[in-house]
Amino acid sequence: MAHTILAATTASISELKRNPMTTVAAGAGLPVVILNRSEPTFYCVPAVQPTRRRWNGSRTSS
């Protein structure tokens, strides 16, 4: 069965079990699709994207 993969980075379930933090880091802040027997099982989405600045609650006037 054909599947549409909605992420640029893929990893196997074995890779995820072996080293989960490295697998998530491979996505560089973007989702990583986890494959089980060459079929997408789930997407691993980081909680915070390191490339985006977080709003600190203060506003600056221009």
C-alpha atoms as a PDB file:
ATOM      1  CA  MET A   1       0.000   0.000   0.000  1.00  0.00           C
ATOM      2  CA  ALA A   2       1.326   3.462  -0.894  1.00  0.00           C
ATOM      3  CA  HIS A   3       1.648   6.076   1.853  1.00  0.00           C
ATOM      4  CA  THR A   4       2.244   9.796   1.711  1.00  0.00           C
ATOM      5  CA  ILE A   5       5.137  10.758   3.966  1.00  0.00           C
ATOM      6  CA  LEU A   6       4.699  14.243   5.411  1.00  0.00           C
ATOM      7  CA  ALA A   7       8.228  14.716   6.755  1.00  0.00           C
ATOM      8  CA  ALA A   8      11.669  15.122   5.234  1.00  0.00           C
ATOM      9  CA  THR A   9      13.306  12.837   7.807  1.00  0.00           C
ATOM     10  CA  THR A  10      12.491   9.176   8.398  1.00  0.00           C
ATOM     11  CA  ALA A  11      13.773   6.656  10.925  1.00  0.00           C
ATOM     12  CA  SER A  12      12.992   3.065  11.765  1.00  0.00           C
ATOM     13  CA  ILE A  13      11.376   1.992  15.005  1.00  0.00           C
ATOM     14  CA  SER A  14      14.651   0.163  15.788  1.00  0.00           C
ATOM     15  CA  GLU A  15      16.631   3.406  15.468  1.00  0.00           C
ATOM     16  CA  LEU A  16      14.165   5.141  17.762  1.00  0.00           C
ATOM     17  CA  LYS A  17      14.488   2.402  20.387  1.00  0.00           C
ATOM     18  CA  ARG A  18      18.290   2.389  20.131  1.00  0.00           C
ATOM     19  CA  ASN A  19      18.772   6.148  20.541  1.00  0.00           C
ATOM     20  CA  PRO A  20      15.585   8.236  20.837  1.00  0.00           C
ATOM     21  CA  MET A  21      17.220  11.643  21.369  1.00  0.00           C
ATOM     22  CA  THR A  22      19.481  11.288  18.330  1.00  0.00           C
ATOM     23  CA  THR A  23      16.494  10.222  16.231  1.00  0.00           C
ATOM     24  CA  VAL A  24      14.511  13.306  17.248  1.00  0.00           C
ATOM     25  CA  ALA A  25      17.562  15.551  16.740  1.00  0.00           C
ATOM     26  CA  ALA A  26      17.949  14.234  13.184  1.00  0.00           C
ATOM     27  CA  GLY A  27      14.832  16.188  12.271  1.00  0.00           C
ATOM     28  CA  ALA A  28      16.514  19.471  13.256  1.00  0.00           C
ATOM     29  CA  GLY A  29      13.358  20.745  14.964  1.00  0.00           C
ATOM     30  CA  LEU A  30      10.955  19.355  12.366  1.00  0.00           C
ATOM     31  CA  PRO A  31       8.812  16.196  12.518  1.00  0.00           C
ATOM     32  CA  VAL A  32      10.408  12.776  11.977  1.00  0.00           C
ATOM     33  CA  VAL A  33       8.278   9.943  10.605  1.00  0.00           C
ATOM     34  CA  ILE A  34       8.878   6.604  12.317  1.00  0.00           C
ATOM     35  CA  LEU A  35       8.619   3.564  10.051  1.00  0.00           C
ATOM     36  CA  ASN A  36       7.770   0.021  11.069  1.00  0.00           C
ATOM     37  CA  ARG A  37       8.415  -2.509   8.311  1.00  0.00           C
ATOM     38  CA  SER A  38       8.640   0.338   5.787  1.00  0.00           C
ATOM     39  CA  GLU A  39       5.224   1.734   6.703  1.00  0.00           C
ATOM     40  CA  PRO A  40       4.695   4.988   8.594  1.00  0.00           C
ATOM     41  CA  THR A  41       3.698   4.250  12.176  1.00  0.00           C
ATOM     42  CA  PHE A  42       3.720   7.706  13.746  1.00  0.00           C
ATOM     43  CA  TYR A  43       5.264  11.154  13.595  1.00  0.00           C
ATOM     44  CA  CYS A  44       7.663  12.261  16.283  1.00  0.00           C
ATOM     45  CA  VAL A  45       7.166  16.008  16.710  1.00  0.00           C
ATOM     46  CA  PRO A  46       9.506  17.985  18.995  1.00  0.00           C
ATOM     47  CA  ALA A  47       7.824  20.106  21.672  1.00  0.00           C
ATOM     48  CA  VAL A  48       9.848  23.234  20.829  1.00  0.00           C
ATOM     49  CA  GLN A  49      11.427  24.245  17.557  1.00  0.00           C
ATOM     50  CA  PRO A  50      14.929  25.518  18.373  1.00  0.00           C
ATOM     51  CA  THR A  51      15.041  27.842  15.330  1.00  0.00           C
ATOM     52  CA  ARG A  52      12.028  29.900  16.417  1.00  0.00           C
ATOM     53  CA  ARG A  53      12.300  32.649  18.987  1.00  0.00           C
ATOM     54  CA  ARG A  54       9.898  32.413  21.860  1.00  0.00           C
ATOM     55  CA  TRP A  55       7.882  35.430  22.905  1.00  0.00           C
ATOM     56  CA  ASN A  56       9.086  36.660  26.282  1.00  0.00           C
ATOM     57  CA  GLY A  57       5.898  38.587  27.119  1.00  0.00           C
ATOM     58  CA  SER A  58       7.321  42.082  26.682  1.00  0.00           C
ATOM     59  CA  ARG A  59       6.632  44.436  23.839  1.00  0.00           C
ATOM     60  CA  THR A  60       9.021  46.958  22.438  1.00  0.00           C
ATOM     61  CA  SER A  61       7.811  50.239  20.998  1.00  0.00           C
ATOM     62  CA  SER A  62       9.040  51.313  17.594  1.00  0.00           C
END
